[in-house]
């Protein structure tokens, strides 16, 4: 609260190679194990806000994560006992060797995230969602394999928190029960929300070519692969319309085959 909380509101959704925590509290292992109680943490943050100069967006944003999102996830875990077995998008691939440590990757954002996870057994919620879960969905890894891998690698990986967050929010394996649209993106989002792309060999603006960002290529391929499943989702109407306007979609999909093969073989 003294050193980080005032930065939380402005930076909670940002990613940086220069800061692995980005003002996140890193209390989730202690909360998930019961060593800290959500109420006492939120009470302390509220007291700090009322007696100090912590900005409203930092205090409110933090408290909302704990008594809003965290309790929502807890409820959904008990509400939907079948959540763990769902696979709406019929993803079937194995974990790529970059995930298992059997290969490196030239994707700077993914390399930084995997390295942070191996060093500390923790990265904050945006790398979890928009790097690891995003590439898992775009590449097409079986949801249960992703969840089991995350459970075994995260220090805060309690089953009740992992199942809804990974199967529902991260991978959309439940077809929209929890989150109304898949949280997938191309390289443009990562470039906007981080400083990873400047030092990367891949260009987030390119979708074809040897230096095209794998996130960008696979994003458009993902939309094309799952158009029939997603076309009735009003939140996906604009992305699908943009995809159908691409003049080079066939070339993008050919490049996607190369990217998928490269990820599988540990060459990307």
C-alpha atoms as a PDB file:
ATOM      1  CA  UNK A   1       0.000   0.000   0.000  1.00  0.00           C
ATOM      2  CA  UNK A   2       2.877   2.391   0.689  1.00  0.00           C
ATOM      3  CA  UNK A   3       4.883   1.685  -2.459  1.00  0.00           C
ATOM      4  CA  UNK A   4       2.598   0.299  -5.171  1.00  0.00           C
ATOM      5  CA  UNK A   5      -1.104   0.919  -4.642  1.00  0.00           C
ATOM      6  CA  UNK A   6      -1.175   4.469  -6.014  1.00  0.00           C
ATOM      7  CA  UNK A   7       0.117   3.115  -9.376  1.00  0.00           C
ATOM      8  CA  UNK A   8      -2.376   0.249  -9.583  1.00  0.00           C
ATOM      9  CA  UNK A   9      -5.274   2.095 -11.214  1.00  0.00           C
ATOM     10  CA  UNK A  10      -3.353   3.587 -14.148  1.00  0.00           C
ATOM     11  CA  UNK A  11      -1.166   0.550 -14.840  1.00  0.00           C
ATOM     12  CA  UNK A  12      -3.050  -2.616 -13.843  1.00  0.00           C
ATOM     13  CA  UNK A  13      -3.700  -3.573 -17.498  1.00  0.00           C
ATOM     14  CA  UNK A  14      -0.230  -2.680 -18.798  1.00  0.00           C
ATOM     15  CA  UNK A  15       2.729  -4.986 -19.411  1.00  0.00           C
ATOM     16  CA  UNK A  16       6.413  -4.079 -19.372  1.00  0.00           C
ATOM     17  CA  UNK A  17       9.718  -5.896 -19.631  1.00  0.00           C
ATOM     18  CA  UNK A  18      10.980  -3.424 -17.041  1.00  0.00           C
ATOM     19  CA  UNK A  19       8.452  -4.293 -14.333  1.00  0.00           C
ATOM     20  CA  UNK A  20       7.200  -7.808 -13.731  1.00  0.00           C
ATOM     21  CA  UNK A  21       4.503  -6.822 -11.199  1.00  0.00           C
ATOM     22  CA  UNK A  22       3.258  -3.514 -12.690  1.00  0.00           C
ATOM     23  CA  UNK A  23       1.924  -2.331  -9.301  1.00  0.00           C
ATOM     24  CA  UNK A  24       0.031  -5.567  -8.635  1.00  0.00           C
ATOM     25  CA  UNK A  25       0.012  -6.596  -5.000  1.00  0.00           C
ATOM     26  CA  UNK A  26       1.108 -10.263  -5.473  1.00  0.00           C
ATOM     27  CA  UNK A  27      -1.150 -11.274  -2.584  1.00  0.00           C
ATOM     28  CA  UNK A  28      -3.058 -13.932  -4.516  1.00  0.00           C
ATOM     29  CA  UNK A  29      -1.033 -16.907  -3.155  1.00  0.00           C
ATOM     30  CA  UNK A  30      -1.777 -15.845   0.415  1.00  0.00           C
ATOM     31  CA  UNK A  31      -5.433 -15.091  -0.281  1.00  0.00           C
ATOM     32  CA  UNK A  32      -5.971 -18.357  -2.126  1.00  0.00           C
ATOM     33  CA  UNK A  33      -4.353 -20.348   0.698  1.00  0.00           C
ATOM     34  CA  UNK A  34      -6.374 -18.548   3.383  1.00  0.00           C
ATOM     35  CA  UNK A  35      -3.371 -16.874   5.012  1.00  0.00           C
ATOM     36  CA  UNK A  36      -5.032 -13.538   4.292  1.00  0.00           C
ATOM     37  CA  UNK A  37      -8.774 -12.915   4.189  1.00  0.00           C
ATOM     38  CA  UNK A  38     -10.342 -10.834   1.395  1.00  0.00           C
ATOM     39  CA  UNK A  39     -12.179  -8.651   3.899  1.00  0.00           C
ATOM     40  CA  UNK A  40      -9.105  -7.647   5.867  1.00  0.00           C
ATOM     41  CA  UNK A  41      -7.201  -6.813   2.679  1.00  0.00           C
ATOM     42  CA  UNK A  42     -10.034  -4.666   1.305  1.00  0.00           C
ATOM     43  CA  UNK A  43     -10.549  -2.958   4.667  1.00  0.00           C
ATOM     44  CA  UNK A  44      -6.867  -2.034   4.773  1.00  0.00           C
ATOM     45  CA  UNK A  45      -6.990  -0.606   1.242  1.00  0.00           C
ATOM     46  CA  UNK A  46     -10.111   1.418   2.027  1.00  0.00           C
ATOM     47  CA  UNK A  47      -8.521   2.795   5.181  1.00  0.00           C
ATOM     48  CA  UNK A  48      -5.398   3.761   3.215  1.00  0.00           C
ATOM     49  CA  UNK A  49      -7.553   5.499   0.599  1.00  0.00           C
ATOM     50  CA  UNK A  50      -9.510   7.491   3.192  1.00  0.00           C
ATOM     51  CA  UNK A  51      -6.457   8.564   5.171  1.00  0.00           C
ATOM     52  CA  UNK A  52      -3.902   9.075   2.425  1.00  0.00           C
ATOM     53  CA  UNK A  53      -3.609  10.324  -1.134  1.00  0.00           C
ATOM     54  CA  UNK A  54      -4.298   7.045  -2.930  1.00  0.00           C
ATOM     55  CA  UNK A  55      -6.297   7.898  -6.100  1.00  0.00           C
ATOM     56  CA  UNK A  56      -9.839   6.591  -6.369  1.00  0.00           C
ATOM     57  CA  UNK A  57      -9.173   4.511  -9.483  1.00  0.00           C
ATOM     58  CA  UNK A  58      -6.402   2.612  -7.682  1.00  0.00           C
ATOM     59  CA  UNK A  59      -8.370   1.920  -4.503  1.00  0.00           C
ATOM     60  CA  UNK A  60     -11.642   1.154  -6.272  1.00  0.00           C
ATOM     61  CA  UNK A  61      -9.931  -0.917  -8.958  1.00  0.00           C
ATOM     62  CA  UNK A  62      -8.150  -3.052  -6.379  1.00  0.00           C
ATOM     63  CA  UNK A  63     -11.190  -3.581  -4.168  1.00  0.00           C
ATOM     64  CA  UNK A  64     -13.339  -4.411  -7.193  1.00  0.00           C
ATOM     65  CA  UNK A  65     -10.867  -7.116  -8.222  1.00  0.00           C
ATOM     66  CA  UNK A  66     -11.081  -8.750  -4.802  1.00  0.00           C
ATOM     67  CA  UNK A  67     -14.748  -8.465  -3.789  1.00  0.00           C
ATOM     68  CA  UNK A  68     -16.015  -8.305  -7.369  1.00  0.00           C
ATOM     69  CA  UNK A  69     -14.074 -10.552  -9.692  1.00  0.00           C
ATOM     70  CA  UNK A  70     -12.615 -12.910  -7.098  1.00  0.00           C
ATOM     71  CA  UNK A  71     -15.978 -13.641  -5.486  1.00  0.00           C
ATOM     72  CA  UNK A  72     -17.631 -13.920  -8.917  1.00  0.00           C
ATOM     73  CA  UNK A  73     -15.101 -16.586  -9.902  1.00  0.00           C
ATOM     74  CA  UNK A  74     -15.632 -18.425  -6.596  1.00  0.00           C
ATOM     75  CA  UNK A  75     -19.361 -18.539  -7.226  1.00  0.00           C
ATOM     76  CA  UNK A  76     -19.032 -19.765 -10.801  1.00  0.00           C
ATOM     77  CA  UNK A  77     -16.737 -22.598  -9.752  1.00  0.00           C
ATOM     78  CA  UNK A  78     -19.528 -24.057  -7.610  1.00  0.00           C
ATOM     79  CA  UNK A  79     -22.335 -23.108  -9.985  1.00  0.00           C
ATOM     80  CA  UNK A  80     -20.903 -24.975 -12.988  1.00  0.00           C
ATOM     81  CA  UNK A  81     -19.198 -28.223 -11.932  1.00  0.00           C
ATOM     82  CA  UNK A  82     -18.869 -29.266 -15.597  1.00  0.00           C
ATOM     83  CA  UNK A  83     -16.818 -26.171 -16.491  1.00  0.00           C
ATOM     84  CA  UNK A  84     -13.571 -28.128 -16.330  1.00  0.00           C
ATOM     85  CA  UNK A  85     -14.572 -30.478 -19.154  1.00  0.00           C
ATOM     86  CA  UNK A  86     -15.805 -27.995 -21.775  1.00  0.00           C
ATOM     87  CA  UNK A  87     -14.196 -27.354 -25.167  1.00  0.00           C
ATOM     88  CA  UNK A  88     -16.565 -25.233 -27.263  1.00  0.00           C
ATOM     89  CA  UNK A  89     -13.968 -24.396 -29.931  1.00  0.00           C
ATOM     90  CA  UNK A  90     -12.847 -28.038 -30.229  1.00  0.00           C
ATOM     91  CA  UNK A  91      -9.184 -27.157 -29.693  1.00  0.00           C
ATOM     92  CA  UNK A  92      -7.052 -30.292 -29.705  1.00  0.00           C
ATOM     93  CA  UNK A  93      -3.370 -29.415 -29.972  1.00  0.00           C
ATOM     94  CA  UNK A  94      -0.673 -30.278 -27.456  1.00  0.00           C
ATOM     95  CA  UNK A  95       1.285 -27.635 -25.540  1.00  0.00           C
ATOM     96  CA  UNK A  96       4.010 -26.181 -27.756  1.00  0.00           C
ATOM     97  CA  UNK A  97       7.610 -26.818 -26.655  1.00  0.00           C
ATOM     98  CA  UNK A  98       8.024 -23.148 -25.658  1.00  0.00           C
ATOM     99  CA  UNK A  99       5.474 -23.778 -22.879  1.00  0.00           C
ATOM    100  CA  UNK A 100       7.134 -26.940 -21.618  1.00  0.00           C
ATOM    101  CA  UNK A 101      10.667 -25.502 -21.653  1.00  0.00           C
ATOM    102  CA  UNK A 102      11.803 -27.726 -24.521  1.00  0.00           C
ATOM    103  CA  UNK A 103      12.342 -24.753 -26.854  1.00  0.00           C
ATOM    104  CA  UNK A 104      12.808 -21.008 -26.752  1.00  0.00           C
ATOM    105  CA  UNK A 105      10.715 -18.493 -28.675  1.00  0.00           C
ATOM    106  CA  UNK A 106      11.560 -15.345 -30.623  1.00  0.00           C
ATOM    107  CA  UNK A 107       8.217 -13.792 -29.644  1.00  0.00           C
ATOM    108  CA  UNK A 108       9.422 -11.233 -27.109  1.00  0.00           C
ATOM    109  CA  UNK A 109       6.132 -10.957 -25.212  1.00  0.00           C
ATOM    110  CA  UNK A 110       5.780 -14.726 -24.877  1.00  0.00           C
ATOM    111  CA  UNK A 111       9.437 -15.220 -23.960  1.00  0.00           C
ATOM    112  CA  UNK A 112       9.247 -12.546 -21.233  1.00  0.00           C
ATOM    113  CA  UNK A 113       6.035 -14.004 -19.819  1.00  0.00           C
ATOM    114  CA  UNK A 114       7.279 -17.592 -19.777  1.00  0.00           C
ATOM    115  CA  UNK A 115      10.596 -16.522 -18.247  1.00  0.00           C
ATOM    116  CA  UNK A 116       8.779 -14.588 -15.516  1.00  0.00           C
ATOM    117  CA  UNK A 117       6.557 -17.559 -14.801  1.00  0.00           C
ATOM    118  CA  UNK A 118       9.537 -19.901 -14.497  1.00  0.00           C
ATOM    119  CA  UNK A 119      11.427 -17.482 -12.258  1.00  0.00           C
ATOM    120  CA  UNK A 120       8.599 -16.558  -9.886  1.00  0.00           C
ATOM    121  CA  UNK A 121       5.688 -18.978 -10.560  1.00  0.00           C
ATOM    122  CA  UNK A 122       3.590 -15.854 -11.119  1.00  0.00           C
ATOM    123  CA  UNK A 123       2.741 -13.219 -13.707  1.00  0.00           C
ATOM    124  CA  UNK A 124      -0.105 -10.752 -13.395  1.00  0.00           C
ATOM    125  CA  UNK A 125      -3.532 -11.076 -14.963  1.00  0.00           C
ATOM    126  CA  UNK A 126      -2.908  -9.414 -18.337  1.00  0.00           C
ATOM    127  CA  UNK A 127       0.010 -11.666 -19.390  1.00  0.00           C
ATOM    128  CA  UNK A 128      -2.095 -14.603 -18.199  1.00  0.00           C
ATOM    129  CA  UNK A 129      -5.060 -13.536 -20.312  1.00  0.00           C
ATOM    130  CA  UNK A 130      -3.637 -11.686 -23.326  1.00  0.00           C
ATOM    131  CA  UNK A 131      -0.330 -13.511 -23.789  1.00  0.00           C
ATOM    132  CA  UNK A 132      -0.618 -17.086 -22.490  1.00  0.00           C
ATOM    133  CA  UNK A 133      -4.349 -17.742 -22.865  1.00  0.00           C
ATOM    134  CA  UNK A 134      -4.487 -15.717 -26.066  1.00  0.00           C
ATOM    135  CA  UNK A 135      -1.747 -17.681 -27.838  1.00  0.00           C
ATOM    136  CA  UNK A 136      -3.185 -20.935 -26.467  1.00  0.00           C
ATOM    137  CA  UNK A 137      -6.531 -20.204 -28.092  1.00  0.00           C
ATOM    138  CA  UNK A 138      -5.090 -18.832 -31.322  1.00  0.00           C
ATOM    139  CA  UNK A 139      -2.806 -21.859 -31.658  1.00  0.00           C
ATOM    140  CA  UNK A 140      -5.570 -24.243 -30.602  1.00  0.00           C
ATOM    141  CA  UNK A 141      -4.324 -26.038 -27.479  1.00  0.00           C
ATOM    142  CA  UNK A 142      -6.815 -28.324 -25.760  1.00  0.00           C
ATOM    143  CA  UNK A 143      -8.285 -26.285 -22.857  1.00  0.00           C
ATOM    144  CA  UNK A 144      -7.695 -28.950 -20.223  1.00  0.00           C
ATOM    145  CA  UNK A 145      -4.013 -29.147 -21.157  1.00  0.00           C
ATOM    146  CA  UNK A 146      -3.703 -25.385 -20.735  1.00  0.00           C
ATOM    147  CA  UNK A 147      -5.467 -25.433 -17.389  1.00  0.00           C
ATOM    148  CA  UNK A 148      -3.421 -28.355 -16.038  1.00  0.00           C
ATOM    149  CA  UNK A 149      -0.217 -26.609 -17.163  1.00  0.00           C
ATOM    150  CA  UNK A 150      -1.228 -23.376 -15.436  1.00  0.00           C
ATOM    151  CA  UNK A 151      -2.293 -25.234 -12.294  1.00  0.00           C
ATOM    152  CA  UNK A 152       1.144 -26.848 -12.082  1.00  0.00           C
ATOM    153  CA  UNK A 153       3.103 -23.642 -12.784  1.00  0.00           C
ATOM    154  CA  UNK A 154       1.356 -20.898 -10.796  1.00  0.00           C
ATOM    155  CA  UNK A 155       1.945 -20.443  -7.097  1.00  0.00           C
ATOM    156  CA  UNK A 156      -1.663 -19.242  -6.698  1.00  0.00           C
ATOM    157  CA  UNK A 157      -3.136 -22.033  -8.862  1.00  0.00           C
ATOM    158  CA  UNK A 158      -6.015 -23.224  -6.693  1.00  0.00           C
ATOM    159  CA  UNK A 159      -8.545 -25.238  -8.694  1.00  0.00           C
ATOM    160  CA  UNK A 160     -11.486 -22.983  -7.836  1.00  0.00           C
ATOM    161  CA  UNK A 161      -9.758 -19.930  -9.280  1.00  0.00           C
ATOM    162  CA  UNK A 162      -8.169 -21.633 -12.281  1.00  0.00           C
ATOM    163  CA  UNK A 163     -11.192 -23.455 -13.701  1.00  0.00           C
ATOM    164  CA  UNK A 164     -13.479 -20.434 -14.318  1.00  0.00           C
ATOM    165  CA  UNK A 165     -10.646 -18.053 -15.216  1.00  0.00           C
ATOM    166  CA  UNK A 166      -8.909 -20.372 -17.679  1.00  0.00           C
ATOM    167  CA  UNK A 167     -11.815 -22.360 -19.131  1.00  0.00           C
ATOM    168  CA  UNK A 168     -14.247 -19.438 -19.183  1.00  0.00           C
ATOM    169  CA  UNK A 169     -12.431 -16.127 -19.379  1.00  0.00           C
ATOM    170  CA  UNK A 170      -9.107 -17.202 -20.849  1.00  0.00           C
ATOM    171  CA  UNK A 171     -10.070 -19.825 -23.420  1.00  0.00           C
ATOM    172  CA  UNK A 172     -13.830 -19.359 -23.953  1.00  0.00           C
ATOM    173  CA  UNK A 173     -14.094 -23.129 -23.705  1.00  0.00           C
ATOM    174  CA  UNK A 174     -17.582 -22.685 -22.224  1.00  0.00           C
ATOM    175  CA  UNK A 175     -18.908 -20.942 -25.340  1.00  0.00           C
ATOM    176  CA  UNK A 176     -19.794 -17.725 -23.563  1.00  0.00           C
ATOM    177  CA  UNK A 177     -21.252 -18.724 -20.207  1.00  0.00           C
ATOM    178  CA  UNK A 178     -18.773 -16.562 -18.340  1.00  0.00           C
ATOM    179  CA  UNK A 179     -17.426 -14.102 -20.918  1.00  0.00           C
ATOM    180  CA  UNK A 180     -19.558 -13.020 -23.844  1.00  0.00           C
ATOM    181  CA  UNK A 181     -16.704 -13.116 -26.376  1.00  0.00           C
ATOM    182  CA  UNK A 182     -13.335 -14.831 -26.750  1.00  0.00           C
ATOM    183  CA  UNK A 183     -10.512 -12.667 -25.398  1.00  0.00           C
ATOM    184  CA  UNK A 184      -8.242 -13.025 -28.413  1.00  0.00           C
ATOM    185  CA  UNK A 185      -6.215 -10.326 -30.108  1.00  0.00           C
ATOM    186  CA  UNK A 186      -3.519  -9.704 -32.639  1.00  0.00           C
ATOM    187  CA  UNK A 187      -0.219  -7.990 -32.064  1.00  0.00           C
ATOM    188  CA  UNK A 188      -1.762  -4.510 -32.164  1.00  0.00           C
ATOM    189  CA  UNK A 189      -3.272  -4.955 -28.699  1.00  0.00           C
ATOM    190  CA  UNK A 190       0.003  -6.206 -27.246  1.00  0.00           C
ATOM    191  CA  UNK A 191       1.861  -3.320 -28.853  1.00  0.00           C
ATOM    192  CA  UNK A 192      -0.617  -0.827 -27.382  1.00  0.00           C
ATOM    193  CA  UNK A 193      -0.542  -2.308 -23.870  1.00  0.00           C
ATOM    194  CA  UNK A 194       3.153  -3.122 -23.519  1.00  0.00           C
ATOM    195  CA  UNK A 195       6.724  -2.272 -24.514  1.00  0.00           C
ATOM    196  CA  UNK A 196       7.467  -5.778 -25.782  1.00  0.00           C
ATOM    197  CA  UNK A 197       7.080  -5.194 -29.523  1.00  0.00           C
ATOM    198  CA  UNK A 198       9.873  -2.668 -29.926  1.00  0.00           C
ATOM    199  CA  UNK A 199      12.558  -5.304 -29.271  1.00  0.00           C
ATOM    200  CA  UNK A 200      10.818  -8.163 -31.073  1.00  0.00           C
ATOM    201  CA  UNK A 201      11.859  -9.615 -34.429  1.00  0.00           C
ATOM    202  CA  UNK A 202       8.179  -9.805 -35.408  1.00  0.00           C
ATOM    203  CA  UNK A 203       6.153  -6.807 -36.562  1.00  0.00           C
ATOM    204  CA  UNK A 204       2.721  -6.503 -34.892  1.00  0.00           C
ATOM    205  CA  UNK A 205       1.414  -4.559 -37.912  1.00  0.00           C
ATOM    206  CA  UNK A 206       2.127  -7.368 -40.360  1.00  0.00           C
ATOM    207  CA  UNK A 207      -0.051 -10.439 -40.861  1.00  0.00           C
ATOM    208  CA  UNK A 208       1.874 -12.083 -43.719  1.00  0.00           C
ATOM    209  CA  UNK A 209       5.570 -12.535 -44.381  1.00  0.00           C
ATOM    210  CA  UNK A 210       8.409 -14.072 -42.404  1.00  0.00           C
ATOM    211  CA  UNK A 211       8.475 -11.149 -39.950  1.00  0.00           C
ATOM    212  CA  UNK A 212       4.689 -10.992 -39.397  1.00  0.00           C
ATOM    213  CA  UNK A 213       3.679 -11.177 -35.742  1.00  0.00           C
ATOM    214  CA  UNK A 214       2.350 -14.673 -34.967  1.00  0.00           C
ATOM    215  CA  UNK A 215      -0.377 -13.126 -32.820  1.00  0.00           C
ATOM    216  CA  UNK A 216      -1.551 -10.989 -35.745  1.00  0.00           C
ATOM    217  CA  UNK A 217      -1.480 -13.839 -38.263  1.00  0.00           C
ATOM    218  CA  UNK A 218      -3.180 -16.324 -35.958  1.00  0.00           C
ATOM    219  CA  UNK A 219      -5.812 -13.811 -34.836  1.00  0.00           C
ATOM    220  CA  UNK A 220      -7.246 -13.499 -38.345  1.00  0.00           C
ATOM    221  CA  UNK A 221      -6.905 -17.231 -38.895  1.00  0.00           C
ATOM    222  CA  UNK A 222      -8.748 -17.857 -35.619  1.00  0.00           C
ATOM    223  CA  UNK A 223     -11.669 -15.704 -36.780  1.00  0.00           C
ATOM    224  CA  UNK A 224     -11.790 -17.513 -40.115  1.00  0.00           C
ATOM    225  CA  UNK A 225     -11.581 -20.949 -38.474  1.00  0.00           C
ATOM    226  CA  UNK A 226     -14.405 -20.215 -36.051  1.00  0.00           C
ATOM    227  CA  UNK A 227     -16.582 -17.891 -38.117  1.00  0.00           C
ATOM    228  CA  UNK A 228     -19.553 -20.271 -38.058  1.00  0.00           C
ATOM    229  CA  UNK A 229     -19.372 -20.524 -34.265  1.00  0.00           C
ATOM    230  CA  UNK A 230     -18.927 -16.790 -33.687  1.00  0.00           C
ATOM    231  CA  UNK A 231     -21.114 -15.183 -36.340  1.00  0.00           C
ATOM    232  CA  UNK A 232     -24.172 -14.984 -34.065  1.00  0.00           C
ATOM    233  CA  UNK A 233     -22.202 -13.174 -31.343  1.00  0.00           C
ATOM    234  CA  UNK A 234     -22.919  -9.445 -31.608  1.00  0.00           C
ATOM    235  CA  UNK A 235     -19.611  -8.565 -29.912  1.00  0.00           C
ATOM    236  CA  UNK A 236     -17.763 -10.361 -32.706  1.00  0.00           C
ATOM    237  CA  UNK A 237     -19.664  -8.724 -35.563  1.00  0.00           C
ATOM    238  CA  UNK A 238     -17.076  -6.009 -36.221  1.00  0.00           C
ATOM    239  CA  UNK A 239     -13.994  -8.276 -36.041  1.00  0.00           C
ATOM    240  CA  UNK A 240     -15.649 -10.768 -38.381  1.00  0.00           C
ATOM    241  CA  UNK A 241     -16.641  -7.990 -40.786  1.00  0.00           C
ATOM    242  CA  UNK A 242     -13.063  -6.708 -40.761  1.00  0.00           C
ATOM    243  CA  UNK A 243     -11.784 -10.221 -41.398  1.00  0.00           C
ATOM    244  CA  UNK A 244     -14.081 -10.662 -44.379  1.00  0.00           C
ATOM    245  CA  UNK A 245     -12.767  -7.410 -45.867  1.00  0.00           C
ATOM    246  CA  UNK A 246      -9.156  -8.602 -45.904  1.00  0.00           C
ATOM    247  CA  UNK A 247      -7.914  -8.863 -49.471  1.00  0.00           C
ATOM    248  CA  UNK A 248      -5.117 -11.239 -48.433  1.00  0.00           C
ATOM    249  CA  UNK A 249      -7.041 -13.616 -46.173  1.00  0.00           C
ATOM    250  CA  UNK A 250      -5.954 -16.679 -48.160  1.00  0.00           C
ATOM    251  CA  UNK A 251      -2.311 -15.655 -47.773  1.00  0.00           C
ATOM    252  CA  UNK A 252      -2.868 -14.997 -44.048  1.00  0.00           C
ATOM    253  CA  UNK A 253      -4.271 -18.470 -43.585  1.00  0.00           C
ATOM    254  CA  UNK A 254      -1.336 -19.989 -45.451  1.00  0.00           C
ATOM    255  CA  UNK A 255       1.046 -18.036 -43.229  1.00  0.00           C
ATOM    256  CA  UNK A 256      -0.940 -19.300 -40.201  1.00  0.00           C
ATOM    257  CA  UNK A 257      -0.157 -22.887 -41.199  1.00  0.00           C
ATOM    258  CA  UNK A 258       3.542 -22.002 -41.196  1.00  0.00           C
ATOM    259  CA  UNK A 259       3.239 -20.294 -37.802  1.00  0.00           C
ATOM    260  CA  UNK A 260       1.377 -23.230 -36.264  1.00  0.00           C
ATOM    261  CA  UNK A 261       3.981 -25.647 -37.608  1.00  0.00           C
ATOM    262  CA  UNK A 262       6.774 -23.418 -36.301  1.00  0.00           C
ATOM    263  CA  UNK A 263       5.242 -23.226 -32.823  1.00  0.00           C
ATOM    264  CA  UNK A 264       4.741 -26.990 -32.780  1.00  0.00           C
ATOM    265  CA  UNK A 265       8.348 -27.576 -33.772  1.00  0.00           C
ATOM    266  CA  UNK A 266       9.782 -24.906 -31.447  1.00  0.00           C
ATOM    267  CA  UNK A 267      11.077 -22.651 -34.253  1.00  0.00           C
ATOM    268  CA  UNK A 268       8.962 -19.517 -33.594  1.00  0.00           C
END
